[in-house]
């Protein structure tokens, strides 16, 4: 399976599972789809989904405009671009690498194992995540604290 196919498949799985309304202050768990994931929505954006991945451990999807998982459509997502993204937290130095980018939904998809792990660790430590995205700008993820949904995801995924 190609990386692009895997990325589109992850989006399709999230879409099929559907999501309830999310709060910027809490993680929501979906363990009933093909892959377990947690999602934190911020209406103003960015929102974040962390999903279990056989290849990477944890894969991150960052919805820059705050789209909900159930608002994503596969039309236009079949072509993924790349963006260089520098990821920094309060406890880590900036590190840059390529991410896949769905232009139509303004969604970043992690493609290296360290990317999802860094964001996961930021949740655990309570650190905001600063993302400097080529051609898009600087975004800060102010992530909700760990709750029972996040703990269940961690036990399932790690």
C-alpha atoms as a PDB file:
ATOM      1  CA  UNK A   1       0.000   0.000   0.000  1.00  0.00           C
ATOM      2  CA  UNK A   2       1.391   3.419  -0.909  1.00  0.00           C
ATOM      3  CA  UNK A   3       1.678   6.203   1.636  1.00  0.00           C
ATOM      4  CA  UNK A   4      -0.879   8.290  -0.239  1.00  0.00           C
ATOM      5  CA  UNK A   5      -3.343   5.382  -0.240  1.00  0.00           C
ATOM      6  CA  UNK A   6      -2.774   4.888   3.498  1.00  0.00           C
ATOM      7  CA  UNK A   7      -3.422   8.579   4.167  1.00  0.00           C
ATOM      8  CA  UNK A   8      -6.645   8.631   2.131  1.00  0.00           C
ATOM      9  CA  UNK A   9      -7.728   5.381   3.815  1.00  0.00           C
ATOM     10  CA  UNK A  10      -7.190   6.914   7.274  1.00  0.00           C
ATOM     11  CA  UNK A  11      -9.375   9.877   6.326  1.00  0.00           C
ATOM     12  CA  UNK A  12     -12.044   7.504   4.971  1.00  0.00           C
ATOM     13  CA  UNK A  13     -12.002   5.479   8.205  1.00  0.00           C
ATOM     14  CA  UNK A  14     -12.429   8.626  10.270  1.00  0.00           C
ATOM     15  CA  UNK A  15     -15.287   9.772   8.039  1.00  0.00           C
ATOM     16  CA  UNK A  16     -17.095   6.462   8.192  1.00  0.00           C
ATOM     17  CA  UNK A  17     -16.864   6.351  11.972  1.00  0.00           C
ATOM     18  CA  UNK A  18     -18.413   9.778  12.411  1.00  0.00           C
ATOM     19  CA  UNK A  19     -17.906  12.008  15.419  1.00  0.00           C
ATOM     20  CA  UNK A  20     -20.076  13.747  17.942  1.00  0.00           C
ATOM     21  CA  UNK A  21     -19.674  17.451  18.603  1.00  0.00           C
ATOM     22  CA  UNK A  22     -16.292  18.072  20.148  1.00  0.00           C
ATOM     23  CA  UNK A  23     -15.163  20.604  22.685  1.00  0.00           C
ATOM     24  CA  UNK A  24     -11.782  22.303  22.651  1.00  0.00           C
ATOM     25  CA  UNK A  25     -11.481  21.286  26.278  1.00  0.00           C
ATOM     26  CA  UNK A  26     -11.817  17.500  25.921  1.00  0.00           C
ATOM     27  CA  UNK A  27     -10.645  14.504  23.938  1.00  0.00           C
ATOM     28  CA  UNK A  28     -13.260  12.287  22.282  1.00  0.00           C
ATOM     29  CA  UNK A  29     -12.441   8.619  21.695  1.00  0.00           C
ATOM     30  CA  UNK A  30     -13.566   6.458  18.805  1.00  0.00           C
ATOM     31  CA  UNK A  31     -12.405   2.885  19.297  1.00  0.00           C
ATOM     32  CA  UNK A  32     -15.149   1.319  17.170  1.00  0.00           C
ATOM     33  CA  UNK A  33     -13.670   2.065  13.753  1.00  0.00           C
ATOM     34  CA  UNK A  34     -10.944   0.059  12.018  1.00  0.00           C
ATOM     35  CA  UNK A  35      -8.343   2.115  13.895  1.00  0.00           C
ATOM     36  CA  UNK A  36      -8.823   3.733  17.287  1.00  0.00           C
ATOM     37  CA  UNK A  37      -8.415   7.505  17.432  1.00  0.00           C
ATOM     38  CA  UNK A  38      -8.919  10.498  19.699  1.00  0.00           C
ATOM     39  CA  UNK A  39     -10.020  13.866  18.444  1.00  0.00           C
ATOM     40  CA  UNK A  40      -9.937  17.366  19.911  1.00  0.00           C
ATOM     41  CA  UNK A  41     -11.877  20.024  18.025  1.00  0.00           C
ATOM     42  CA  UNK A  42     -11.326  23.754  18.085  1.00  0.00           C
ATOM     43  CA  UNK A  43     -13.948  25.542  15.947  1.00  0.00           C
ATOM     44  CA  UNK A  44     -11.476  28.277  15.048  1.00  0.00           C
ATOM     45  CA  UNK A  45      -8.814  25.680  14.216  1.00  0.00           C
ATOM     46  CA  UNK A  46      -6.590  23.895  14.270  1.00  0.00           C
ATOM     47  CA  UNK A  47      -8.188  20.655  15.439  1.00  0.00           C
ATOM     48  CA  UNK A  48      -6.252  17.439  15.974  1.00  0.00           C
ATOM     49  CA  UNK A  49      -6.817  13.719  15.534  1.00  0.00           C
ATOM     50  CA  UNK A  50      -4.347  11.117  16.802  1.00  0.00           C
ATOM     51  CA  UNK A  51      -4.887   7.655  15.325  1.00  0.00           C
ATOM     52  CA  UNK A  52      -3.294   4.243  15.814  1.00  0.00           C
ATOM     53  CA  UNK A  53      -1.099   3.267  12.878  1.00  0.00           C
ATOM     54  CA  UNK A  54       0.562  -0.076  12.251  1.00  0.00           C
ATOM     55  CA  UNK A  55       3.410   1.662  10.407  1.00  0.00           C
ATOM     56  CA  UNK A  56       4.001   4.651  12.693  1.00  0.00           C
ATOM     57  CA  UNK A  57       2.509   3.878  16.079  1.00  0.00           C
ATOM     58  CA  UNK A  58       0.596   7.161  16.278  1.00  0.00           C
ATOM     59  CA  UNK A  59      -0.390   9.205  13.253  1.00  0.00           C
ATOM     60  CA  UNK A  60      -1.449  12.845  13.579  1.00  0.00           C
ATOM     61  CA  UNK A  61      -3.981  14.676  11.406  1.00  0.00           C
ATOM     62  CA  UNK A  62      -4.098  18.428  11.922  1.00  0.00           C
ATOM     63  CA  UNK A  63      -7.175  20.198  10.549  1.00  0.00           C
ATOM     64  CA  UNK A  64      -5.939  23.772  10.139  1.00  0.00           C
ATOM     65  CA  UNK A  65      -9.426  25.259   9.777  1.00  0.00           C
ATOM     66  CA  UNK A  66     -10.910  23.259  12.633  1.00  0.00           C
ATOM     67  CA  UNK A  67     -12.908  20.909  10.380  1.00  0.00           C
ATOM     68  CA  UNK A  68     -14.603  18.058  12.177  1.00  0.00           C
ATOM     69  CA  UNK A  69     -13.806  14.541  11.039  1.00  0.00           C
ATOM     70  CA  UNK A  70     -17.379  14.087   9.801  1.00  0.00           C
ATOM     71  CA  UNK A  71     -17.071  17.245   7.657  1.00  0.00           C
ATOM     72  CA  UNK A  72     -14.281  15.796   5.531  1.00  0.00           C
ATOM     73  CA  UNK A  73     -15.051  14.603   2.046  1.00  0.00           C
ATOM     74  CA  UNK A  74     -12.861  12.437  -0.128  1.00  0.00           C
ATOM     75  CA  UNK A  75     -13.472  14.599  -3.210  1.00  0.00           C
ATOM     76  CA  UNK A  76     -10.266  16.474  -3.858  1.00  0.00           C
ATOM     77  CA  UNK A  77      -8.341  14.588  -1.170  1.00  0.00           C
ATOM     78  CA  UNK A  78      -6.996  11.981  -3.563  1.00  0.00           C
ATOM     79  CA  UNK A  79      -4.140  14.309  -4.516  1.00  0.00           C
ATOM     80  CA  UNK A  80      -1.932  15.091  -1.596  1.00  0.00           C
ATOM     81  CA  UNK A  81       0.795  17.718  -1.643  1.00  0.00           C
ATOM     82  CA  UNK A  82       3.758  17.983   0.719  1.00  0.00           C
ATOM     83  CA  UNK A  83       4.531  20.737   3.180  1.00  0.00           C
ATOM     84  CA  UNK A  84       7.623  21.196   5.293  1.00  0.00           C
ATOM     85  CA  UNK A  85       6.571  21.635   8.898  1.00  0.00           C
ATOM     86  CA  UNK A  86       8.675  22.608  11.895  1.00  0.00           C
ATOM     87  CA  UNK A  87       7.215  21.183  15.112  1.00  0.00           C
ATOM     88  CA  UNK A  88       8.228  22.611  18.487  1.00  0.00           C
ATOM     89  CA  UNK A  89       6.977  22.132  22.044  1.00  0.00           C
ATOM     90  CA  UNK A  90       8.004  23.619  25.379  1.00  0.00           C
ATOM     91  CA  UNK A  91      10.097  20.519  26.081  1.00  0.00           C
ATOM     92  CA  UNK A  92      11.610  19.919  22.608  1.00  0.00           C
ATOM     93  CA  UNK A  93      13.725  21.741  20.074  1.00  0.00           C
ATOM     94  CA  UNK A  94      12.181  22.544  16.680  1.00  0.00           C
ATOM     95  CA  UNK A  95      12.365  19.669  14.204  1.00  0.00           C
ATOM     96  CA  UNK A  96      11.380  19.935  10.536  1.00  0.00           C
ATOM     97  CA  UNK A  97      10.229  17.321   8.070  1.00  0.00           C
ATOM     98  CA  UNK A  98       7.714  16.763   5.292  1.00  0.00           C
ATOM     99  CA  UNK A  99       4.025  16.135   6.013  1.00  0.00           C
ATOM    100  CA  UNK A 100       1.307  15.263   3.504  1.00  0.00           C
ATOM    101  CA  UNK A 101      -1.148  18.102   2.918  1.00  0.00           C
ATOM    102  CA  UNK A 102      -4.712  17.880   1.598  1.00  0.00           C
ATOM    103  CA  UNK A 103      -5.252  21.330   0.093  1.00  0.00           C
ATOM    104  CA  UNK A 104      -9.024  21.028  -0.274  1.00  0.00           C
ATOM    105  CA  UNK A 105      -9.525  20.445   3.453  1.00  0.00           C
ATOM    106  CA  UNK A 106      -6.333  22.157   4.670  1.00  0.00           C
ATOM    107  CA  UNK A 107      -5.361  19.008   6.561  1.00  0.00           C
ATOM    108  CA  UNK A 108      -1.831  17.949   7.496  1.00  0.00           C
ATOM    109  CA  UNK A 109      -1.132  14.219   7.755  1.00  0.00           C
ATOM    110  CA  UNK A 110       1.988  12.967   9.535  1.00  0.00           C
ATOM    111  CA  UNK A 111       4.158  10.575   7.533  1.00  0.00           C
ATOM    112  CA  UNK A 112       7.075   9.977   9.919  1.00  0.00           C
ATOM    113  CA  UNK A 113       6.836   8.150  13.271  1.00  0.00           C
ATOM    114  CA  UNK A 114       8.390  11.006  15.279  1.00  0.00           C
ATOM    115  CA  UNK A 115       5.677  13.492  14.202  1.00  0.00           C
ATOM    116  CA  UNK A 116       2.715  11.790  15.878  1.00  0.00           C
ATOM    117  CA  UNK A 117       4.820  10.836  18.907  1.00  0.00           C
ATOM    118  CA  UNK A 118       5.936  14.436  19.445  1.00  0.00           C
ATOM    119  CA  UNK A 119       2.354  15.694  19.475  1.00  0.00           C
ATOM    120  CA  UNK A 120       1.227  12.775  21.677  1.00  0.00           C
ATOM    121  CA  UNK A 121       4.012  13.586  24.172  1.00  0.00           C
ATOM    122  CA  UNK A 122       2.969  17.251  24.162  1.00  0.00           C
ATOM    123  CA  UNK A 123      -0.518  16.191  25.245  1.00  0.00           C
ATOM    124  CA  UNK A 124       0.930  14.078  28.061  1.00  0.00           C
ATOM    125  CA  UNK A 125       3.172  16.934  29.289  1.00  0.00           C
ATOM    126  CA  UNK A 126       0.531  19.630  28.776  1.00  0.00           C
ATOM    127  CA  UNK A 127       2.704  21.552  26.330  1.00  0.00           C
ATOM    128  CA  UNK A 128       1.322  23.598  23.416  1.00  0.00           C
ATOM    129  CA  UNK A 129       2.604  22.608  19.970  1.00  0.00           C
ATOM    130  CA  UNK A 130       3.917  25.278  17.615  1.00  0.00           C
ATOM    131  CA  UNK A 131       3.828  24.290  13.951  1.00  0.00           C
ATOM    132  CA  UNK A 132       5.531  26.435  11.335  1.00  0.00           C
ATOM    133  CA  UNK A 133       4.078  25.258   8.015  1.00  0.00           C
ATOM    134  CA  UNK A 134       5.593  26.222   4.676  1.00  0.00           C
ATOM    135  CA  UNK A 135       3.205  28.337   2.567  1.00  0.00           C
ATOM    136  CA  UNK A 136       0.581  28.236   5.339  1.00  0.00           C
ATOM    137  CA  UNK A 137       2.047  30.088   8.328  1.00  0.00           C
ATOM    138  CA  UNK A 138       2.484  29.452  12.035  1.00  0.00           C
ATOM    139  CA  UNK A 139      -0.174  27.580  14.014  1.00  0.00           C
ATOM    140  CA  UNK A 140      -0.322  26.729  17.705  1.00  0.00           C
ATOM    141  CA  UNK A 141      -2.157  23.690  19.021  1.00  0.00           C
ATOM    142  CA  UNK A 142      -3.426  24.348  22.531  1.00  0.00           C
ATOM    143  CA  UNK A 143      -4.306  20.796  23.384  1.00  0.00           C
ATOM    144  CA  UNK A 144      -6.801  19.664  26.016  1.00  0.00           C
ATOM    145  CA  UNK A 145      -5.489  17.891  29.108  1.00  0.00           C
ATOM    146  CA  UNK A 146      -5.383  14.110  29.320  1.00  0.00           C
ATOM    147  CA  UNK A 147      -8.779  12.627  30.180  1.00  0.00           C
ATOM    148  CA  UNK A 148     -10.209   9.082  30.366  1.00  0.00           C
ATOM    149  CA  UNK A 149     -10.765   8.968  26.587  1.00  0.00           C
ATOM    150  CA  UNK A 150      -7.105   9.819  25.980  1.00  0.00           C
ATOM    151  CA  UNK A 151      -5.947   7.234  28.550  1.00  0.00           C
ATOM    152  CA  UNK A 152      -8.066   4.551  26.882  1.00  0.00           C
ATOM    153  CA  UNK A 153      -6.623   5.495  23.483  1.00  0.00           C
ATOM    154  CA  UNK A 154      -3.102   5.241  24.923  1.00  0.00           C
ATOM    155  CA  UNK A 155      -3.749   1.757  26.303  1.00  0.00           C
ATOM    156  CA  UNK A 156      -5.254   0.644  22.979  1.00  0.00           C
ATOM    157  CA  UNK A 157      -2.647   2.165  20.721  1.00  0.00           C
ATOM    158  CA  UNK A 158       0.677   1.852  22.516  1.00  0.00           C
END
